[in-house]
Amino acid sequence: MAAKPIYRVVFHQQGEVWELYAREIFQSDLWGFIEVEEFVFQDGSKLVVDPSADRLRHTFDGVTRSYLPINSIVRIDEVEREGTPRAVKSEGRVAEFPRGPMPPTRER
């Protein structure tokens, strides 16, 4: 059986660009969101620890699923193996993803 794919998710978060790795990504039932599950972090017992990667590891400690707004996502790549998660200061301006009208709600 082939190993589960790993995805690199790059998105804007409060003036920073965050890069995370996860094994599950799909369109959410919540309109306008992407669901990200099974976060992948490298072993934290290394002698040298990257502070931004360590901060992200603690931020997502205990999180089983995260909902990211579509307009905050820069890109999603399927990669061969995980890398180091990072958070860097956002520089420049990135245009917001164009949004269409909200779909109609179901009558109950």
Protein backbone atom coordinates (compact mmCIF):
# COMPACT_ATOMS: atom_id res chain seq x y z
CA MET A 1 0.00 0.00 0.00
CA ALA A 2 1.32 3.44 -0.90
CA ALA A 3 2.07 5.86 1.92
CA LYS A 4 -0.40 8.69 2.53
CA PRO A 5 0.57 11.86 0.65
CA ILE A 6 1.95 14.85 2.51
CA TYR A 7 0.78 18.36 1.68
CA ARG A 8 2.58 21.65 2.26
CA VAL A 9 0.02 24.35 3.09
CA VAL A 10 1.14 27.99 2.85
CA PHE A 11 -1.27 30.61 4.20
CA HIS A 12 -1.49 34.10 5.71
CA GLN A 13 -2.03 34.38 9.45
CA GLN A 14 -2.07 37.76 11.22
CA GLY A 15 0.70 39.46 9.25
CA GLU A 16 2.79 36.32 8.81
CA VAL A 17 3.06 33.59 6.20
CA TRP A 18 2.81 30.14 7.79
CA GLU A 19 3.99 26.94 6.12
CA LEU A 20 2.66 23.69 7.60
CA TYR A 21 2.64 20.04 6.57
CA ALA A 22 -0.40 17.77 6.82
CA ARG A 23 -1.63 14.41 5.57
CA GLU A 24 -5.31 15.28 5.00
CA ILE A 25 -6.75 18.31 3.21
CA PHE A 26 -10.24 18.69 1.81
CA GLN A 27 -13.07 21.14 1.10
CA SER A 28 -15.01 21.82 4.27
CA ASP A 29 -18.77 21.65 4.73
CA LEU A 30 -18.34 25.17 6.13
CA TRP A 31 -18.57 27.36 3.04
CA GLY A 32 -15.30 29.14 2.21
CA PHE A 33 -13.00 26.95 4.33
CA ILE A 34 -10.46 24.19 3.73
CA GLU A 35 -10.08 21.50 6.41
CA VAL A 36 -6.55 20.49 7.35
CA GLU A 37 -5.96 17.37 9.48
CA GLU A 38 -3.11 15.16 10.68
CA PHE A 39 -0.42 17.83 11.00
CA VAL A 40 3.14 16.57 10.47
CA PHE A 41 5.99 17.98 12.58
CA GLN A 42 9.57 16.78 12.62
CA ASP A 43 11.01 15.24 15.77
CA GLY A 44 11.32 17.96 18.42
CA SER A 45 14.16 16.25 20.29
CA LYS A 46 16.87 17.65 18.00
CA LEU A 47 19.76 19.55 19.51
CA VAL A 48 19.08 22.64 17.36
CA VAL A 49 15.45 23.79 17.27
CA ASP A 50 14.08 26.44 14.90
CA PRO A 51 12.09 28.91 17.07
CA SER A 52 9.36 29.51 14.45
CA ALA A 53 8.89 25.75 13.90
CA ASP A 54 8.76 25.21 17.67
CA ARG A 55 6.16 27.98 18.03
CA LEU A 56 3.99 26.38 15.31
CA ARG A 57 4.34 22.96 16.95
CA HIS A 58 3.07 24.41 20.24
CA THR A 59 0.31 26.37 18.48
CA PHE A 60 -1.07 23.21 16.87
CA ASP A 61 -0.38 20.89 19.81
CA GLY A 62 -3.64 19.03 20.48
CA VAL A 63 -5.36 20.33 17.32
CA THR A 64 -6.95 17.50 15.34
CA ARG A 65 -8.52 19.63 12.61
CA SER A 66 -8.09 23.23 11.50
CA TYR A 67 -10.38 25.24 9.24
CA LEU A 68 -8.51 27.72 7.04
CA PRO A 69 -10.37 30.42 5.10
CA ILE A 70 -9.87 29.94 1.37
CA ASN A 71 -8.87 33.58 0.94
CA SER A 72 -5.92 33.18 3.35
CA ILE A 73 -4.35 30.26 1.46
CA VAL A 74 -1.42 31.08 -0.80
CA ARG A 75 -0.82 27.56 -2.12
CA ILE A 76 -1.10 23.85 -1.39
CA ASP A 77 1.52 21.42 -2.74
CA GLU A 78 1.71 17.64 -2.55
CA VAL A 79 5.30 16.87 -1.52
CA GLU A 80 7.38 13.71 -1.14
CA ARG A 81 8.31 14.33 2.50
CA GLU A 82 7.69 16.88 5.21
CA GLY A 83 9.96 19.85 5.70
CA THR A 84 10.41 22.29 8.53
CA PRO A 85 7.25 24.24 9.36
CA ARG A 86 7.91 27.96 9.50
CA ALA A 87 6.33 31.32 10.15
CA VAL A 88 7.86 34.38 8.50
CA LYS A 89 6.83 38.03 8.51
CA SER A 90 4.65 38.80 5.50
CA GLU A 91 6.20 41.37 3.20
CA GLY A 92 4.53 43.01 0.24
CA ARG A 93 0.92 42.57 -0.70
CA VAL A 94 -0.89 39.47 -1.86
CA ALA A 95 -4.24 39.88 -3.57
CA GLU A 96 -7.19 38.22 -1.88
CA PHE A 97 -8.69 35.21 -3.62
CA PRO A 98 -11.80 36.37 -5.53
CA ARG A 99 -15.03 35.30 -3.91
CA GLY A 100 -18.36 34.76 -5.55
CA PRO A 101 -21.77 35.06 -3.93
CA MET A 102 -22.57 32.70 -1.07
CA PRO A 103 -24.54 29.63 -2.08
CA PRO A 104 -28.18 29.56 -0.99
CA THR A 105 -28.89 27.96 2.36
CA ARG A 106 -31.08 24.90 2.64
CA GLU A 107 -34.60 25.33 3.98
CA ARG A 108 -35.31 23.18 7.01
